[in-house]
Protein backbone atom coordinates (compact mmCIF):
# COMPACT_ATOMS: atom_id res chain seq x y z
CA MET A 1 -9.93 0.08 -8.89
CA ASP A 2 -7.50 1.56 -11.01
CA ALA A 3 -7.44 0.33 -14.88
CA ARG A 4 -3.83 0.16 -15.05
CA ILE A 5 -3.10 -2.17 -12.32
CA GLU A 6 -2.22 -5.03 -14.43
CA GLU A 7 0.27 -2.89 -16.62
CA ILE A 8 1.80 -1.83 -13.43
CA ALA A 9 1.94 -5.45 -11.97
CA ARG A 10 3.96 -6.44 -15.25
CA MET A 11 6.13 -3.38 -15.34
CA VAL A 12 7.12 -3.81 -11.65
CA LYS A 13 8.01 -7.40 -12.28
CA SER A 14 9.80 -6.51 -15.63
CA TYR A 15 12.23 -4.71 -13.23
CA GLY A 16 13.71 -7.55 -11.69
CA LYS A 17 14.59 -5.19 -8.50
CA PHE A 18 11.52 -5.61 -6.47
CA SER A 19 10.42 -8.89 -4.75
CA PRO A 20 7.63 -9.85 -4.22
CA VAL A 21 5.63 -8.32 -6.14
CA PHE A 22 2.43 -7.69 -3.78
CA LEU A 23 -0.57 -5.92 -3.60
CA ASN A 24 -3.00 -5.25 -0.72
CA THR A 25 -6.51 -4.12 -1.55
CA ASN A 26 -10.19 -4.87 -0.53
CA GLY A 27 -10.70 -6.45 -3.84
CA ASP A 28 -14.01 -4.87 -4.19
CA PHE A 29 -13.53 -4.57 -7.74
CA LEU A 30 -11.86 -7.62 -8.74
CA THR A 31 -13.51 -9.94 -11.39
CA LYS A 32 -12.40 -13.03 -13.22
CA GLU A 33 -10.94 -11.19 -15.66
CA ILE A 34 -8.71 -9.01 -13.94
CA ALA A 35 -7.50 -12.14 -11.46
CA GLU A 36 -6.06 -13.53 -14.75
CA GLY A 37 -4.63 -10.66 -15.78
CA LEU A 38 -2.63 -10.72 -12.58
CA ASP A 39 -2.33 -14.17 -11.89
CA GLY A 40 1.57 -14.32 -11.86
CA TRP A 41 2.53 -10.96 -12.49
CA LEU A 42 1.89 -10.45 -8.63
CA ASP A 43 3.74 -12.60 -6.03
CA LYS A 44 1.55 -12.15 -3.23
CA MET A 45 -2.22 -10.13 -2.50
CA LEU A 46 -3.90 -9.60 0.55
CA ILE A 47 -7.19 -8.67 0.02
CA SER A 48 -9.16 -7.34 3.39
CA LEU A 49 -12.53 -7.82 3.01
CA TYR A 50 -14.83 -6.12 5.06
CA MET A 51 -18.23 -7.68 4.46
CA PRO A 52 -20.66 -9.81 7.10
CA GLU A 53 -20.64 -13.21 7.13
CA PRO A 54 -21.39 -15.73 5.17
CA LYS A 55 -21.05 -13.53 2.64
CA ARG A 56 -17.30 -12.55 3.35
CA SER A 57 -16.49 -16.56 3.69
CA GLU A 58 -18.11 -16.99 0.18
CA ARG A 59 -16.04 -14.38 -1.35
CA ALA A 60 -13.07 -15.56 0.13
CA GLU A 61 -13.25 -18.74 -1.55
CA TRP A 62 -14.17 -17.37 -4.92
CA ILE A 63 -10.91 -15.11 -4.88
CA LYS A 64 -8.68 -17.69 -3.94
CA SER A 65 -10.16 -20.35 -6.76
CA LEU A 66 -9.13 -17.25 -9.24
CA PHE A 67 -5.52 -17.37 -8.52
CA HIS A 68 -3.17 -20.28 -9.53
CA LYS A 69 0.03 -18.75 -9.93
CA THR A 70 -0.07 -15.68 -7.07
CA ASP A 71 -0.35 -16.14 -3.63
CA ALA A 72 -3.79 -14.84 -2.64
CA GLN A 73 -5.11 -14.29 0.61
CA PRO A 74 -8.30 -13.29 1.40
CA LEU A 75 -8.04 -11.41 5.05
CA ILE A 76 -11.36 -12.61 6.85
CA GLN A 77 -10.29 -11.33 10.31
CA SER A 78 -8.11 -8.55 10.50
CA ASP A 79 -7.67 -5.52 12.87
CA HIS A 80 -7.89 -1.79 11.76
CA ILE A 81 -5.04 0.14 11.73
CA ALA A 82 -5.04 3.54 13.50
CA THR A 83 -4.54 6.11 10.28
CA HIS A 84 -4.47 9.89 10.37
CA PHE A 85 -8.44 9.45 9.64
CA SER A 86 -9.32 6.50 12.10
CA PRO A 87 -12.77 7.31 14.44
CA ALA A 88 -11.82 4.21 16.40
CA PHE A 89 -8.68 5.74 17.94
CA ASP A 90 -7.35 8.73 19.74
CA VAL A 91 -5.35 9.84 16.66
CA LYS A 92 -3.70 12.65 18.46
CA LYS A 93 -2.50 10.96 21.50
CA LEU A 94 -1.39 8.22 19.54
CA ALA A 95 0.67 10.36 17.06
CA GLU A 96 1.66 12.23 20.54
CA GLU A 97 3.18 8.64 21.52
CA HIS A 98 4.58 7.48 18.36
CA ILE A 99 6.54 11.00 17.32
CA ASP A 100 9.94 9.85 17.92
CA ASN A 101 9.59 6.49 16.51
CA LYS A 102 11.18 4.91 13.47
CA CYS A 103 9.08 4.52 10.56
CA ASP A 104 9.84 1.85 7.96
CA GLU A 105 6.67 2.34 5.53
CA PRO A 106 8.00 4.61 2.94
CA GLN A 107 10.53 1.60 2.12
CA VAL A 108 7.90 -1.11 2.03
CA ARG A 109 5.88 -0.63 -1.24
CA VAL A 110 5.19 1.84 -3.40
CA VAL A 111 1.63 3.26 -3.54
CA ILE A 112 -0.11 5.13 -6.31
CA ASN A 113 -3.27 6.35 -6.00
CA SER A 114 -6.05 6.82 -8.51
CA GLN A 115 -4.81 10.24 -9.27
CA ARG A 116 -1.74 8.48 -10.41
CA GLN A 117 0.37 10.30 -7.84
CA TYR A 118 2.87 8.30 -5.88
CA LEU A 119 2.48 8.21 -2.04
CA LEU A 120 4.89 8.06 0.44
CA CYS A 121 2.50 5.27 2.53
CA CYS A 122 -0.72 3.86 2.39
CA ASP A 123 -1.77 6.60 4.90
CA ASP A 124 -0.97 9.37 2.78
CA VAL A 125 -3.95 9.27 0.72
CA ILE A 126 -3.86 12.35 -1.03
CA GLY A 127 -0.02 12.85 -1.57
CA ASN A 128 1.12 15.33 0.80
CA PHE A 129 5.03 14.89 -0.35
CA ASP A 130 4.68 15.89 -4.08
CA LEU A 131 6.72 12.86 -4.98
CA GLY A 132 5.64 12.81 -8.70
CA THR A 133 3.00 10.82 -11.05
CA PHE A 134 2.82 7.42 -12.80
CA PRO A 135 3.71 7.01 -15.55
CA GLU A 136 5.67 10.58 -16.12
CA VAL A 137 7.94 9.48 -13.24
CA SER A 138 8.70 5.43 -13.76
CA ILE A 139 8.85 3.29 -10.61
CA ASN A 140 12.01 2.73 -10.63
CA ASP A 141 13.14 6.52 -10.67
CA TYR A 142 10.53 7.31 -8.00
CA TRP A 143 11.83 4.33 -5.79
CA PHE A 144 15.49 5.30 -6.49
CA GLY A 145 15.22 8.89 -6.74
CA ASP A 146 16.76 11.34 -4.37
CA LYS A 147 13.58 12.60 -2.87
CA HIS A 148 12.08 9.25 -1.77
CA GLN A 149 15.46 8.22 -0.61
CA GLN A 150 16.22 11.23 1.48
CA ILE A 151 12.44 10.90 3.26
CA VAL A 152 13.42 6.94 3.97
CA LYS A 153 16.71 7.82 5.17
CA ASP A 154 15.28 10.71 7.54
CA LEU A 155 12.33 8.10 8.77
CA LYS A 156 14.67 5.53 9.51
CA VAL A 157 15.90 7.12 12.45
CA ASN A 158 14.32 8.01 15.86
CA GLY A 159 12.77 11.36 15.39
CA GLY A 160 12.68 11.34 12.02
CA ARG A 161 8.88 12.17 11.64
CA ARG A 162 9.38 15.27 13.56
CA LYS A 163 11.02 16.85 9.93
CA TYR A 164 7.71 16.14 7.83
CA PRO A 165 4.50 17.81 9.37
CA TYR A 166 2.32 14.90 7.97
CA CYS A 167 4.60 12.31 9.37
CA SER A 168 4.61 14.02 13.12
CA THR A 169 0.89 13.51 13.26
CA CYS A 170 0.97 10.03 12.29
CA PRO A 171 -0.48 7.63 14.95
CA ARG A 172 0.98 4.37 13.75
CA ARG A 173 3.80 2.87 15.68
């Protein structure tokens, strides 16, 4: 959905520090032109498809045909993950069960929302951590910056979620 996705992919790839350069999306707005702009700049893409069959399988085949350098993997069957907003899960109970677990999500990927805010993880949809905006803060400065690195360090230990109100209510393992 973000018109800058090709620019972001090229920038991240040019750093040479991030591997693989990866995108996880539902692919709703994917076009042949967007695929051409991303092919080779992304190492891998996971595309969750949430439409009924046979349209889902047809879309998966079409997506695979668009990419020649990028490993594009449409997910035809995927499980829903418990998030803060999951109606299918007892979110409060899961958060209580997992509050003392470590969390590595902030060190797995860079997430930028449509308002250009850096997000701590894919569940932090509104930018609860005030991590800056792209491109005012470069991806390099965000990722290796003191604030992000401190949160990563805190969440690497059991009980670290308790330091952050949003993380303490997270239902993910």
